[in-house]
Amino acid sequence: MMTTPADLIADLDAALADAGTAVTIRRYTAPTGTPRPKTDIDNVPAAVRAVRAEELVEGIDQTASTIVVSPTALAALLPLKKGDKAVVDGRERNIELPKPISVQGVLVRIELLVSG
């Protein structure tokens, strides 16, 4: 039996729901303002881990993290881009490198390299 993109998304959603951490994905919708206008998607299930040594590239240090999220809850902010934010444990972190992963032309997961 062939695995479909929908199967991959469902498996990721189940794994993140079971063992993930809730994060907020944030996009500021204006450069200034008080309060600064933003769009938040709260309680996004995510896997958060420290960046591995082989993933360190220019401008990224050991304080960086990799966050894996499913596209399921993020439709309002897709595609994620550099400059968006991930709020982890109450701390706003900068999305430096969003890596969308597609199978058969369907977005099935997003790996985010975050810093700050």
N, C-alpha and C. Protein backbone atom coordinates (compact mmCIF):
# COMPACT_ATOMS: atom_id res chain seq x y z
N MET A 1 0.84 -1.19 0.00
CA MET A 1 0.00 0.00 0.00
C MET A 1 0.88 1.25 0.00
N MET A 2 0.56 2.18 -0.85
CA MET A 2 1.36 3.39 -0.96
C MET A 2 0.97 4.41 0.11
N THR A 3 1.96 5.02 0.69
CA THR A 3 1.72 6.08 1.66
C THR A 3 1.44 7.37 0.91
N THR A 4 0.37 8.04 1.28
CA THR A 4 -0.01 9.29 0.62
C THR A 4 0.46 10.48 1.45
N PRO A 5 0.51 11.66 0.85
CA PRO A 5 0.82 12.85 1.65
C PRO A 5 -0.14 13.01 2.83
N ALA A 6 -1.41 12.71 2.64
CA ALA A 6 -2.38 12.82 3.74
C ALA A 6 -2.02 11.88 4.88
N ASP A 7 -1.52 10.67 4.55
CA ASP A 7 -1.08 9.73 5.58
C ASP A 7 0.09 10.31 6.37
N LEU A 8 1.05 10.90 5.64
CA LEU A 8 2.22 11.47 6.30
C LEU A 8 1.83 12.61 7.24
N ILE A 9 0.92 13.47 6.79
CA ILE A 9 0.44 14.58 7.62
C ILE A 9 -0.29 14.03 8.85
N ALA A 10 -1.15 13.04 8.66
CA ALA A 10 -1.90 12.45 9.78
C ALA A 10 -0.95 11.83 10.81
N ASP A 11 0.10 11.13 10.31
CA ASP A 11 1.07 10.52 11.22
C ASP A 11 1.83 11.59 12.01
N LEU A 12 2.24 12.66 11.32
CA LEU A 12 2.94 13.75 12.00
C LEU A 12 2.03 14.43 13.02
N ASP A 13 0.79 14.70 12.63
CA ASP A 13 -0.17 15.32 13.56
C ASP A 13 -0.34 14.46 14.81
N ALA A 14 -0.47 13.14 14.63
CA ALA A 14 -0.66 12.23 15.77
C ALA A 14 0.57 12.22 16.67
N ALA A 15 1.76 12.17 16.07
CA ALA A 15 2.99 12.14 16.87
C ALA A 15 3.18 13.44 17.65
N LEU A 16 2.91 14.58 17.01
CA LEU A 16 3.06 15.87 17.69
C LEU A 16 2.01 16.05 18.78
N ALA A 17 0.78 15.57 18.53
CA ALA A 17 -0.27 15.66 19.54
C ALA A 17 0.10 14.82 20.76
N ASP A 18 0.74 13.68 20.51
CA ASP A 18 1.10 12.75 21.58
C ASP A 18 2.30 13.24 22.38
N ALA A 19 3.33 13.72 21.70
CA ALA A 19 4.60 14.00 22.39
C ALA A 19 5.15 15.40 22.12
N GLY A 20 4.38 16.24 21.48
CA GLY A 20 4.88 17.56 21.12
C GLY A 20 4.71 18.60 22.21
N THR A 21 5.19 19.78 21.92
CA THR A 21 5.09 20.95 22.79
C THR A 21 4.25 21.98 22.06
N ALA A 22 3.37 22.68 22.78
CA ALA A 22 2.56 23.72 22.15
C ALA A 22 3.39 24.99 21.98
N VAL A 23 3.43 25.51 20.75
CA VAL A 23 4.12 26.77 20.47
C VAL A 23 3.13 27.72 19.79
N THR A 24 3.50 28.98 19.72
CA THR A 24 2.73 29.97 18.97
C THR A 24 3.55 30.38 17.77
N ILE A 25 2.93 30.40 16.60
CA ILE A 25 3.58 30.91 15.39
C ILE A 25 3.00 32.30 15.17
N ARG A 26 3.89 33.28 14.98
CA ARG A 26 3.48 34.69 14.94
C ARG A 26 4.05 35.37 13.71
N ARG A 27 3.21 36.21 13.12
CA ARG A 27 3.68 37.10 12.04
C ARG A 27 3.23 38.51 12.39
N TYR A 28 4.19 39.43 12.42
CA TYR A 28 3.83 40.83 12.63
C TYR A 28 3.31 41.36 11.31
N THR A 29 2.16 42.04 11.36
CA THR A 29 1.49 42.48 10.14
C THR A 29 1.77 43.94 9.82
N ALA A 30 2.52 44.61 10.69
CA ALA A 30 2.92 46.00 10.43
C ALA A 30 4.27 46.22 11.10
N PRO A 31 5.11 47.06 10.52
CA PRO A 31 6.44 47.26 11.09
C PRO A 31 6.44 48.02 12.41
N THR A 32 5.40 48.82 12.65
CA THR A 32 5.35 49.62 13.88
C THR A 32 3.93 49.66 14.40
N GLY A 33 3.76 50.29 15.55
CA GLY A 33 2.43 50.42 16.14
C GLY A 33 2.48 49.98 17.59
N THR A 34 1.57 50.51 18.39
CA THR A 34 1.49 50.12 19.79
C THR A 34 0.05 49.78 20.11
N PRO A 35 -0.29 48.53 20.39
CA PRO A 35 0.64 47.41 20.22
C PRO A 35 0.85 47.12 18.73
N ARG A 36 1.99 46.52 18.44
CA ARG A 36 2.34 46.20 17.06
C ARG A 36 1.37 45.13 16.54
N PRO A 37 0.66 45.40 15.45
CA PRO A 37 -0.32 44.43 14.94
C PRO A 37 0.35 43.12 14.56
N LYS A 38 -0.31 42.01 14.92
CA LYS A 38 0.25 40.71 14.61
C LYS A 38 -0.85 39.70 14.40
N THR A 39 -0.47 38.59 13.78
CA THR A 39 -1.35 37.44 13.64
C THR A 39 -0.69 36.30 14.38
N ASP A 40 -1.40 35.70 15.33
CA ASP A 40 -0.88 34.57 16.10
C ASP A 40 -1.71 33.33 15.81
N ILE A 41 -1.03 32.20 15.72
CA ILE A 41 -1.71 30.90 15.75
C ILE A 41 -1.17 30.21 17.00
N ASP A 42 -2.04 30.06 18.00
CA ASP A 42 -1.63 29.50 19.29
C ASP A 42 -1.78 27.99 19.33
N ASN A 43 -1.09 27.39 20.28
CA ASN A 43 -1.20 25.95 20.55
C ASN A 43 -0.92 25.08 19.33
N VAL A 44 0.11 25.44 18.59
CA VAL A 44 0.53 24.64 17.45
C VAL A 44 1.40 23.50 18.00
N PRO A 45 1.01 22.24 17.79
CA PRO A 45 1.85 21.14 18.26
C PRO A 45 3.17 21.13 17.50
N ALA A 46 4.28 21.00 18.24
CA ALA A 46 5.59 21.08 17.62
C ALA A 46 6.59 20.19 18.35
N ALA A 47 7.60 19.76 17.63
CA ALA A 47 8.75 19.09 18.22
C ALA A 47 9.88 20.12 18.22
N VAL A 48 10.43 20.40 19.39
CA VAL A 48 11.48 21.41 19.53
C VAL A 48 12.73 20.71 20.05
N ARG A 49 13.83 20.94 19.36
CA ARG A 49 15.11 20.37 19.83
C ARG A 49 16.24 21.33 19.52
N ALA A 50 17.33 21.16 20.28
CA ALA A 50 18.52 21.97 20.04
C ALA A 50 19.08 21.62 18.68
N VAL A 51 19.70 22.59 18.05
CA VAL A 51 20.31 22.37 16.75
C VAL A 51 21.55 21.49 16.94
N ARG A 52 21.79 20.57 16.01
CA ARG A 52 22.95 19.68 16.07
C ARG A 52 24.17 20.39 15.49
N ALA A 53 25.34 19.95 15.90
CA ALA A 53 26.59 20.58 15.48
C ALA A 53 26.70 20.69 13.96
N GLU A 54 26.29 19.63 13.25
CA GLU A 54 26.42 19.66 11.78
C GLU A 54 25.43 20.61 11.12
N GLU A 55 24.48 21.12 11.89
CA GLU A 55 23.50 22.06 11.34
C GLU A 55 23.92 23.53 11.54
N LEU A 56 25.00 23.74 12.26
CA LEU A 56 25.46 25.10 12.52
C LEU A 56 26.01 25.70 11.23
N VAL A 57 25.47 26.83 10.84
CA VAL A 57 25.93 27.53 9.65
C VAL A 57 26.20 28.98 10.05
N GLU A 58 26.71 29.74 9.12
CA GLU A 58 27.05 31.13 9.42
C GLU A 58 25.85 31.87 10.01
N GLY A 59 26.09 32.53 11.14
CA GLY A 59 25.04 33.31 11.78
C GLY A 59 24.16 32.51 12.72
N ILE A 60 24.36 31.19 12.79
CA ILE A 60 23.56 30.34 13.67
C ILE A 60 24.50 29.74 14.71
N ASP A 61 24.13 29.84 15.99
CA ASP A 61 25.00 29.28 17.03
C ASP A 61 24.26 28.21 17.83
N GLN A 62 24.90 27.76 18.92
CA GLN A 62 24.34 26.65 19.69
C GLN A 62 23.04 26.99 20.40
N THR A 63 22.65 28.26 20.45
CA THR A 63 21.39 28.61 21.10
C THR A 63 20.21 28.41 20.15
N ALA A 64 20.50 28.10 18.90
CA ALA A 64 19.44 27.89 17.92
C ALA A 64 18.70 26.58 18.20
N SER A 65 17.51 26.48 17.67
CA SER A 65 16.70 25.27 17.80
C SER A 65 16.07 24.94 16.46
N THR A 66 15.72 23.67 16.33
CA THR A 66 14.93 23.23 15.19
C THR A 66 13.54 22.91 15.71
N ILE A 67 12.54 23.41 15.01
CA ILE A 67 11.14 23.15 15.38
C ILE A 67 10.47 22.50 14.19
N VAL A 68 9.83 21.37 14.42
CA VAL A 68 9.08 20.68 13.37
C VAL A 68 7.59 20.90 13.65
N VAL A 69 6.88 21.39 12.63
CA VAL A 69 5.44 21.61 12.74
C VAL A 69 4.75 21.01 11.53
N SER A 70 3.48 20.74 11.70
CA SER A 70 2.63 20.26 10.63
C SER A 70 1.97 21.46 9.95
N PRO A 71 1.68 21.35 8.66
CA PRO A 71 0.97 22.45 8.01
C PRO A 71 -0.51 22.53 8.42
N THR A 72 -1.01 21.53 9.13
CA THR A 72 -2.43 21.42 9.43
C THR A 72 -3.03 22.69 10.02
N ALA A 73 -2.41 23.24 11.06
CA ALA A 73 -3.00 24.39 11.76
C ALA A 73 -2.53 25.73 11.23
N LEU A 74 -1.65 25.71 10.24
CA LEU A 74 -0.96 26.94 9.86
C LEU A 74 -1.43 27.58 8.57
N ALA A 75 -2.53 27.15 8.01
CA ALA A 75 -2.96 27.63 6.69
C ALA A 75 -2.98 29.16 6.60
N ALA A 76 -3.37 29.84 7.67
CA ALA A 76 -3.49 31.31 7.63
C ALA A 76 -2.14 32.00 7.45
N LEU A 77 -1.04 31.33 7.77
CA LEU A 77 0.27 31.98 7.70
C LEU A 77 1.21 31.34 6.67
N LEU A 78 0.73 30.38 5.92
CA LEU A 78 1.61 29.73 4.94
C LEU A 78 1.78 30.60 3.70
N PRO A 79 2.93 30.64 3.09
CA PRO A 79 4.14 29.95 3.55
C PRO A 79 4.81 30.73 4.68
N LEU A 80 5.38 30.00 5.65
CA LEU A 80 6.16 30.67 6.70
C LEU A 80 7.41 31.24 6.06
N LYS A 81 7.91 32.33 6.63
CA LYS A 81 9.06 32.99 6.01
C LYS A 81 10.01 33.50 7.08
N LYS A 82 11.24 33.76 6.64
CA LYS A 82 12.24 34.36 7.53
C LYS A 82 11.65 35.65 8.09
N GLY A 83 11.79 35.84 9.39
CA GLY A 83 11.23 37.03 10.02
C GLY A 83 9.95 36.74 10.79
N ASP A 84 9.27 35.62 10.47
CA ASP A 84 8.16 35.19 11.31
C ASP A 84 8.74 34.76 12.65
N LYS A 85 7.89 34.53 13.62
CA LYS A 85 8.34 34.22 14.97
C LYS A 85 7.72 32.91 15.45
N ALA A 86 8.46 32.25 16.33
CA ALA A 86 7.93 31.08 17.05
C ALA A 86 8.09 31.40 18.53
N VAL A 87 6.99 31.31 19.28
CA VAL A 87 7.04 31.57 20.71
C VAL A 87 7.09 30.21 21.41
N VAL A 88 8.24 29.94 22.06
CA VAL A 88 8.48 28.66 22.72
C VAL A 88 8.72 28.94 24.20
N ASP A 89 7.94 28.31 25.06
CA ASP A 89 8.07 28.52 26.51
C ASP A 89 8.06 30.00 26.86
N GLY A 90 7.18 30.76 26.19
CA GLY A 90 7.02 32.18 26.49
C GLY A 90 8.07 33.08 25.87
N ARG A 91 9.02 32.51 25.14
CA ARG A 91 10.11 33.30 24.55
C ARG A 91 9.93 33.39 23.04
N GLU A 92 9.86 34.63 22.53
CA GLU A 92 9.73 34.84 21.09
C GLU A 92 11.08 34.61 20.42
N ARG A 93 11.08 33.72 19.44
CA ARG A 93 12.32 33.38 18.72
C ARG A 93 12.13 33.70 17.25
N ASN A 94 13.21 34.05 16.56
CA ASN A 94 13.15 34.42 15.15
C ASN A 94 13.25 33.19 14.26
N ILE A 95 12.35 33.09 13.31
CA ILE A 95 12.45 32.04 12.30
C ILE A 95 13.49 32.52 11.28
N GLU A 96 14.61 31.80 11.24
CA GLU A 96 15.72 32.16 10.35
C GLU A 96 15.62 31.42 9.02
N LEU A 97 15.21 30.15 9.08
CA LEU A 97 15.19 29.34 7.87
C LEU A 97 14.01 28.38 7.94
N PRO A 98 12.92 28.70 7.24
CA PRO A 98 11.81 27.75 7.15
C PRO A 98 12.10 26.76 6.02
N LYS A 99 12.00 25.47 6.32
CA LYS A 99 12.27 24.45 5.31
C LYS A 99 10.99 23.64 5.09
N PRO A 100 10.21 24.01 4.07
CA PRO A 100 9.01 23.23 3.76
C PRO A 100 9.40 21.91 3.12
N ILE A 101 8.72 20.85 3.52
CA ILE A 101 8.97 19.52 2.95
C ILE A 101 7.68 19.06 2.27
N SER A 102 7.79 18.79 0.98
CA SER A 102 6.62 18.38 0.20
C SER A 102 6.82 16.97 -0.33
N VAL A 103 5.73 16.25 -0.43
CA VAL A 103 5.70 14.91 -1.03
C VAL A 103 4.59 14.93 -2.07
N GLN A 104 4.91 14.56 -3.28
CA GLN A 104 3.94 14.56 -4.38
C GLN A 104 3.26 15.91 -4.53
N GLY A 105 4.05 16.98 -4.32
CA GLY A 105 3.52 18.33 -4.49
C GLY A 105 2.67 18.84 -3.36
N VAL A 106 2.61 18.09 -2.24
CA VAL A 106 1.79 18.48 -1.09
C VAL A 106 2.71 18.77 0.09
N LEU A 107 2.53 19.92 0.73
CA LEU A 107 3.29 20.28 1.92
C LEU A 107 2.91 19.33 3.05
N VAL A 108 3.89 18.56 3.57
CA VAL A 108 3.57 17.58 4.60
C VAL A 108 4.19 17.91 5.96
N ARG A 109 5.23 18.74 6.00
CA ARG A 109 5.82 19.17 7.26
C ARG A 109 6.70 20.37 7.01
N ILE A 110 6.98 21.11 8.08
CA ILE A 110 7.83 22.28 7.97
C ILE A 110 8.85 22.21 9.10
N GLU A 111 10.12 22.32 8.74
CA GLU A 111 11.18 22.38 9.73
C GLU A 111 11.64 23.83 9.79
N LEU A 112 11.67 24.36 11.01
CA LEU A 112 12.04 25.76 11.21
C LEU A 112 13.34 25.83 11.99
N LEU A 113 14.31 26.57 11.46
CA LEU A 113 15.51 26.86 12.21
C LEU A 113 15.27 28.21 12.88
N VAL A 114 15.30 28.24 14.22
CA VAL A 114 15.00 29.46 14.95
C VAL A 114 16.18 29.86 15.83
N SER A 115 16.29 31.16 16.08
CA SER A 115 17.34 31.67 16.96
C SER A 115 16.75 32.77 17.83
N GLY A 116 17.54 33.17 18.83
CA GLY A 116 17.11 34.26 19.70
C GLY A 116 16.47 33.78 20.97
